[in-house]
Amino acid sequence: MDKINPDYYKSGIETADYIESHDMDYFQGNVIKYVTRFRKKNGVEDLKKAEWYLQRLIKRYENN
């Protein structure tokens, strides 16, 4: 197993390629990363991490 880029990031388009192709920032990329891998890695814990980053994005754009 590739510890840097495991299989759960490579189903279809690689997650990193998707994030980069959409010019996402750190928070946006982490939402995508955690939602993409939650079924194969940490389950609900990853969804909660995605939620945390999503809440940061919401706060950023609510204050604009």
PDB file of N, CA and C in Angstrom:
ATOM      1  N   MET A   1       0.840  -1.191   0.000  1.00  0.00           N
ATOM      2  CA  MET A   1       0.000   0.000   0.000  1.00  0.00           C
ATOM      3  C   MET A   1       0.880   1.247   0.000  1.00  0.00           C
ATOM      4  N   ASP A   2       0.516   2.202  -0.800  1.00  0.00           N
ATOM      5  CA  ASP A   2       1.201   3.481  -0.882  1.00  0.00           C
ATOM      6  C   ASP A   2       0.726   4.364   0.266  1.00  0.00           C
ATOM      7  N   LYS A   3       1.597   4.632   1.238  1.00  0.00           N
ATOM      8  CA  LYS A   3       1.202   5.408   2.415  1.00  0.00           C
ATOM      9  C   LYS A   3       0.972   6.874   2.090  1.00  0.00           C
ATOM     10  N   ILE A   4       1.584   7.384   1.045  1.00  0.00           N
ATOM     11  CA  ILE A   4       1.418   8.783   0.656  1.00  0.00           C
ATOM     12  C   ILE A   4       0.109   8.986  -0.102  1.00  0.00           C
ATOM     13  N   ASN A   5      -0.224   8.068  -0.984  1.00  0.00           N
ATOM     14  CA  ASN A   5      -1.401   8.210  -1.842  1.00  0.00           C
ATOM     15  C   ASN A   5      -2.161   6.886  -1.891  1.00  0.00           C
ATOM     16  N   PRO A   6      -2.849   6.514  -0.791  1.00  0.00           N
ATOM     17  CA  PRO A   6      -3.538   5.226  -0.739  1.00  0.00           C
ATOM     18  C   PRO A   6      -4.693   5.117  -1.742  1.00  0.00           C
ATOM     19  N   ASP A   7      -5.175   3.903  -1.906  1.00  0.00           N
ATOM     20  CA  ASP A   7      -6.211   3.610  -2.895  1.00  0.00           C
ATOM     21  C   ASP A   7      -7.486   4.435  -2.729  1.00  0.00           C
ATOM     22  N   TYR A   8      -7.841   4.801  -1.495  1.00  0.00           N
ATOM     23  CA  TYR A   8      -9.096   5.539  -1.320  1.00  0.00           C
ATOM     24  C   TYR A   8      -9.023   6.956  -1.880  1.00  0.00           C
ATOM     25  N   TYR A   9      -7.863   7.420  -2.302  1.00  0.00           N
ATOM     26  CA  TYR A   9      -7.742   8.705  -2.992  1.00  0.00           C
ATOM     27  C   TYR A   9      -7.699   8.542  -4.506  1.00  0.00           C
ATOM     28  N   LYS A  10      -7.763   7.308  -5.012  1.00  0.00           N
ATOM     29  CA  LYS A  10      -7.547   7.064  -6.436  1.00  0.00           C
ATOM     30  C   LYS A  10      -8.749   6.478  -7.163  1.00  0.00           C
ATOM     31  N   SER A  11      -9.903   6.474  -6.579  1.00  0.00           N
ATOM     32  CA  SER A  11     -11.082   5.929  -7.238  1.00  0.00           C
ATOM     33  C   SER A  11     -11.614   6.968  -8.228  1.00  0.00           C
ATOM     34  N   GLY A  12     -11.592   6.636  -9.509  1.00  0.00           N
ATOM     35  CA  GLY A  12     -11.962   7.634 -10.515  1.00  0.00           C
ATOM     36  C   GLY A  12     -10.807   8.607 -10.670  1.00  0.00           C
ATOM     37  N   ILE A  13     -11.081   9.880 -10.525  1.00  0.00           N
ATOM     38  CA  ILE A  13     -10.024  10.895 -10.562  1.00  0.00           C
ATOM     39  C   ILE A  13      -9.371  10.963  -9.183  1.00  0.00           C
ATOM     40  N   GLU A  14      -8.068  11.139  -9.145  1.00  0.00           N
ATOM     41  CA  GLU A  14      -7.373  11.276  -7.868  1.00  0.00           C
ATOM     42  C   GLU A  14      -7.867  12.529  -7.157  1.00  0.00           C
ATOM     43  N   THR A  15      -8.074  12.410  -5.867  1.00  0.00           N
ATOM     44  CA  THR A  15      -8.603  13.527  -5.084  1.00  0.00           C
ATOM     45  C   THR A  15      -7.730  14.770  -5.224  1.00  0.00           C
ATOM     46  N   ALA A  16      -6.426  14.609  -5.126  1.00  0.00           N
ATOM     47  CA  ALA A  16      -5.518  15.761  -5.246  1.00  0.00           C
ATOM     48  C   ALA A  16      -5.649  16.426  -6.612  1.00  0.00           C
ATOM     49  N   ASP A  17      -5.804  15.628  -7.671  1.00  0.00           N
ATOM     50  CA  ASP A  17      -5.973  16.189  -9.016  1.00  0.00           C
ATOM     51  C   ASP A  17      -7.278  16.970  -9.114  1.00  0.00           C
ATOM     52  N   TYR A  18      -8.344  16.444  -8.528  1.00  0.00           N
ATOM     53  CA  TYR A  18      -9.631  17.131  -8.539  1.00  0.00           C
ATOM     54  C   TYR A  18      -9.535  18.475  -7.813  1.00  0.00           C
ATOM     55  N   ILE A  19      -8.933  18.453  -6.627  1.00  0.00           N
ATOM     56  CA  ILE A  19      -8.787  19.684  -5.833  1.00  0.00           C
ATOM     57  C   ILE A  19      -7.976  20.711  -6.609  1.00  0.00           C
ATOM     58  N   GLU A  20      -6.876  20.274  -7.177  1.00  0.00           N
ATOM     59  CA  GLU A  20      -6.025  21.183  -7.938  1.00  0.00           C
ATOM     60  C   GLU A  20      -6.722  21.703  -9.187  1.00  0.00           C
ATOM     61  N   SER A  21      -7.458  20.843  -9.885  1.00  0.00           N
ATOM     62  CA  SER A  21      -8.126  21.263 -11.123  1.00  0.00           C
ATOM     63  C   SER A  21      -9.228  22.289 -10.876  1.00  0.00           C
ATOM     64  N   HIS A  22      -9.734  22.336  -9.647  1.00  0.00           N
ATOM     65  CA  HIS A  22     -10.768  23.310  -9.293  1.00  0.00           C
ATOM     66  C   HIS A  22     -10.208  24.474  -8.479  1.00  0.00           C
ATOM     67  N   ASP A  23      -8.877  24.559  -8.408  1.00  0.00           N
ATOM     68  CA  ASP A  23      -8.187  25.661  -7.739  1.00  0.00           C
ATOM     69  C   ASP A  23      -8.737  25.915  -6.335  1.00  0.00           C
ATOM     70  N   MET A  24      -8.888  24.832  -5.568  1.00  0.00           N
ATOM     71  CA  MET A  24      -9.444  24.931  -4.220  1.00  0.00           C
ATOM     72  C   MET A  24      -8.374  25.323  -3.219  1.00  0.00           C
ATOM     73  N   ASP A  25      -8.803  26.048  -2.193  1.00  0.00           N
ATOM     74  CA  ASP A  25      -7.876  26.397  -1.121  1.00  0.00           C
ATOM     75  C   ASP A  25      -7.824  25.261  -0.093  1.00  0.00           C
ATOM     76  N   TYR A  26      -7.092  25.474   0.985  1.00  0.00           N
ATOM     77  CA  TYR A  26      -6.865  24.454   2.009  1.00  0.00           C
ATOM     78  C   TYR A  26      -8.168  23.931   2.612  1.00  0.00           C
ATOM     79  N   PHE A  27      -9.051  24.832   3.006  1.00  0.00           N
ATOM     80  CA  PHE A  27     -10.307  24.409   3.627  1.00  0.00           C
ATOM     81  C   PHE A  27     -11.185  23.646   2.640  1.00  0.00           C
ATOM     82  N   GLN A  28     -11.328  24.153   1.435  1.00  0.00           N
ATOM     83  CA  GLN A  28     -12.137  23.479   0.416  1.00  0.00           C
ATOM     84  C   GLN A  28     -11.571  22.097   0.102  1.00  0.00           C
ATOM     85  N   GLY A  29     -10.266  22.027  -0.064  1.00  0.00           N
ATOM     86  CA  GLY A  29      -9.622  20.756  -0.372  1.00  0.00           C
ATOM     87  C   GLY A  29      -9.814  19.724   0.724  1.00  0.00           C
ATOM     88  N   ASN A  30      -9.767  20.161   1.974  1.00  0.00           N
ATOM     89  CA  ASN A  30      -9.954  19.225   3.072  1.00  0.00           C
ATOM     90  C   ASN A  30     -11.385  18.718   3.158  1.00  0.00           C
ATOM     91  N   VAL A  31     -12.355  19.550   2.831  1.00  0.00           N
ATOM     92  CA  VAL A  31     -13.742  19.068   2.786  1.00  0.00           C
ATOM     93  C   VAL A  31     -13.831  17.926   1.774  1.00  0.00           C
ATOM     94  N   ILE A  32     -13.292  18.141   0.590  1.00  0.00           N
ATOM     95  CA  ILE A  32     -13.325  17.118  -0.459  1.00  0.00           C
ATOM     96  C   ILE A  32     -12.569  15.871  -0.009  1.00  0.00           C
ATOM     97  N   LYS A  33     -11.378  16.056   0.556  1.00  0.00           N
ATOM     98  CA  LYS A  33     -10.548  14.928   0.992  1.00  0.00           C
ATOM     99  C   LYS A  33     -11.277  14.045   1.998  1.00  0.00           C
ATOM    100  N   TYR A  34     -11.832  14.655   3.037  1.00  0.00           N
ATOM    101  CA  TYR A  34     -12.463  13.861   4.090  1.00  0.00           C
ATOM    102  C   TYR A  34     -13.761  13.205   3.631  1.00  0.00           C
ATOM    103  N   VAL A  35     -14.535  13.893   2.802  1.00  0.00           N
ATOM    104  CA  VAL A  35     -15.768  13.284   2.293  1.00  0.00           C
ATOM    105  C   VAL A  35     -15.432  12.137   1.339  1.00  0.00           C
ATOM    106  N   THR A  36     -14.378  12.291   0.562  1.00  0.00           N
ATOM    107  CA  THR A  36     -13.985  11.255  -0.388  1.00  0.00           C
ATOM    108  C   THR A  36     -13.546   9.968   0.305  1.00  0.00           C
ATOM    109  N   ARG A  37     -12.852  10.081   1.420  1.00  0.00           N
ATOM    110  CA  ARG A  37     -12.257   8.896   2.023  1.00  0.00           C
ATOM    111  C   ARG A  37     -13.035   8.302   3.193  1.00  0.00           C
ATOM    112  N   PHE A  38     -14.096   8.942   3.669  1.00  0.00           N
ATOM    113  CA  PHE A  38     -14.707   8.536   4.932  1.00  0.00           C
ATOM    114  C   PHE A  38     -15.159   7.084   4.967  1.00  0.00           C
ATOM    115  N   ARG A  39     -15.664   6.547   3.863  1.00  0.00           N
ATOM    116  CA  ARG A  39     -16.150   5.151   3.863  1.00  0.00           C
ATOM    117  C   ARG A  39     -15.014   4.139   4.000  1.00  0.00           C
ATOM    118  N   LYS A  40     -13.828   4.498   3.509  1.00  0.00           N
ATOM    119  CA  LYS A  40     -12.719   3.541   3.489  1.00  0.00           C
ATOM    120  C   LYS A  40     -11.677   3.804   4.571  1.00  0.00           C
ATOM    121  N   LYS A  41     -11.821   4.889   5.335  1.00  0.00           N
ATOM    122  CA  LYS A  41     -10.795   5.158   6.338  1.00  0.00           C
ATOM    123  C   LYS A  41     -11.394   5.330   7.729  1.00  0.00           C
ATOM    124  N   ASN A  42     -11.889   6.506   8.057  1.00  0.00           N
ATOM    125  CA  ASN A  42     -12.265   6.795   9.446  1.00  0.00           C
ATOM    126  C   ASN A  42     -13.755   7.011   9.683  1.00  0.00           C
ATOM    127  N   GLY A  43     -14.598   6.701   8.711  1.00  0.00           N
ATOM    128  CA  GLY A  43     -16.040   6.793   8.898  1.00  0.00           C
ATOM    129  C   GLY A  43     -16.517   8.161   9.341  1.00  0.00           C
ATOM    130  N   VAL A  44     -17.365   8.175  10.351  1.00  0.00           N
ATOM    131  CA  VAL A  44     -17.991   9.399  10.832  1.00  0.00           C
ATOM    132  C   VAL A  44     -16.951  10.424  11.298  1.00  0.00           C
ATOM    133  N   GLU A  45     -15.836   9.960  11.826  1.00  0.00           N
ATOM    134  CA  GLU A  45     -14.774  10.889  12.251  1.00  0.00           C
ATOM    135  C   GLU A  45     -14.330  11.786  11.085  1.00  0.00           C
ATOM    136  N   ASP A  46     -14.172  11.208   9.892  1.00  0.00           N
ATOM    137  CA  ASP A  46     -13.798  12.009   8.727  1.00  0.00           C
ATOM    138  C   ASP A  46     -14.924  12.949   8.321  1.00  0.00           C
ATOM    139  N   LEU A  47     -16.165  12.532   8.442  1.00  0.00           N
ATOM    140  CA  LEU A  47     -17.283  13.426   8.132  1.00  0.00           C
ATOM    141  C   LEU A  47     -17.305  14.616   9.087  1.00  0.00           C
ATOM    142  N   LYS A  48     -16.982  14.385  10.339  1.00  0.00           N
ATOM    143  CA  LYS A  48     -16.924  15.482  11.313  1.00  0.00           C
ATOM    144  C   LYS A  48     -15.776  16.434  10.993  1.00  0.00           C
ATOM    145  N   LYS A  49     -14.671  15.896  10.513  1.00  0.00           N
ATOM    146  CA  LYS A  49     -13.561  16.756  10.096  1.00  0.00           C
ATOM    147  C   LYS A  49     -13.982  17.607   8.899  1.00  0.00           C
ATOM    148  N   ALA A  50     -14.656  16.980   7.935  1.00  0.00           N
ATOM    149  CA  ALA A  50     -15.157  17.726   6.778  1.00  0.00           C
ATOM    150  C   ALA A  50     -16.108  18.821   7.227  1.00  0.00           C
ATOM    151  N   GLU A  51     -16.966  18.505   8.179  1.00  0.00           N
ATOM    152  CA  GLU A  51     -17.920  19.486   8.711  1.00  0.00           C
ATOM    153  C   GLU A  51     -17.180  20.672   9.345  1.00  0.00           C
ATOM    154  N   TRP A  52     -16.105  20.394  10.073  1.00  0.00           N
ATOM    155  CA  TRP A  52     -15.332  21.458  10.714  1.00  0.00           C
ATOM    156  C   TRP A  52     -14.781  22.428   9.675  1.00  0.00           C
ATOM    157  N   TYR A  53     -14.193  21.864   8.593  1.00  0.00           N
ATOM    158  CA  TYR A  53     -13.655  22.714   7.533  1.00  0.00           C
ATOM    159  C   TYR A  53     -14.777  23.447   6.791  1.00  0.00           C
ATOM    160  N   LEU A  54     -15.890  22.801   6.599  1.00  0.00           N
ATOM    161  CA  LEU A  54     -17.030  23.441   5.937  1.00  0.00           C
ATOM    162  C   LEU A  54     -17.558  24.603   6.770  1.00  0.00           C
ATOM    163  N   GLN A  55     -17.621  24.434   8.082  1.00  0.00           N
ATOM    164  CA  GLN A  55     -18.047  25.523   8.961  1.00  0.00           C
ATOM    165  C   GLN A  55     -17.097  26.712   8.857  1.00  0.00           C
ATOM    166  N   ARG A  56     -15.801  26.452   8.733  1.00  0.00           N
ATOM    167  CA  ARG A  56     -14.838  27.541   8.547  1.00  0.00           C
ATOM    168  C   ARG A  56     -15.114  28.291   7.242  1.00  0.00           C
ATOM    169  N   LEU A  57     -15.417  27.555   6.188  1.00  0.00           N
ATOM    170  CA  LEU A  57     -15.740  28.192   4.914  1.00  0.00           C
ATOM    171  C   LEU A  57     -17.008  29.031   5.029  1.00  0.00           C
ATOM    172  N   ILE A  58     -18.010  28.491   5.687  1.00  0.00           N
ATOM    173  CA  ILE A  58     -19.276  29.221   5.857  1.00  0.00           C
ATOM    174  C   ILE A  58     -19.028  30.534   6.602  1.00  0.00           C
ATOM    175  N   LYS A  59     -18.270  30.475   7.689  1.00  0.00           N
ATOM    176  CA  LYS A  59     -17.961  31.692   8.447  1.00  0.00           C
ATOM    177  C   LYS A  59     -17.226  32.710   7.602  1.00  0.00           C
ATOM    178  N   ARG A  60     -16.286  32.230   6.786  1.00  0.00           N
ATOM    179  CA  ARG A  60     -15.523  33.137   5.919  1.00  0.00           C
ATOM    180  C   ARG A  60     -16.459  33.894   4.974  1.00  0.00           C
ATOM    181  N   TYR A  61     -17.378  33.176   4.355  1.00  0.00           N
ATOM    182  CA  TYR A  61     -18.230  33.803   3.349  1.00  0.00           C
ATOM    183  C   TYR A  61     -19.430  34.522   3.934  1.00  0.00           C
ATOM    184  N   GLU A  62     -19.836  34.187   5.129  1.00  0.00           N
ATOM    185  CA  GLU A  62     -20.891  34.946   5.806  1.00  0.00           C
ATOM    186  C   GLU A  62     -20.372  36.329   6.204  1.00  0.00           C
ATOM    187  N   ASN A  63     -19.087  36.438   6.466  1.00  0.00           N
ATOM    188  CA  ASN A  63     -18.506  37.701   6.919  1.00  0.00           C
ATOM    189  C   ASN A  63     -18.093  38.602   5.771  1.00  0.00           C
ATOM    190  N   ASN A  64     -18.303  38.175   4.543  1.00  0.00           N
ATOM    191  CA  ASN A  64     -17.941  39.012   3.376  1.00  0.00           C
ATOM    192  C   ASN A  64     -19.061  39.900   2.965  1.00  0.00           C
TER     193      ASN A  64
END
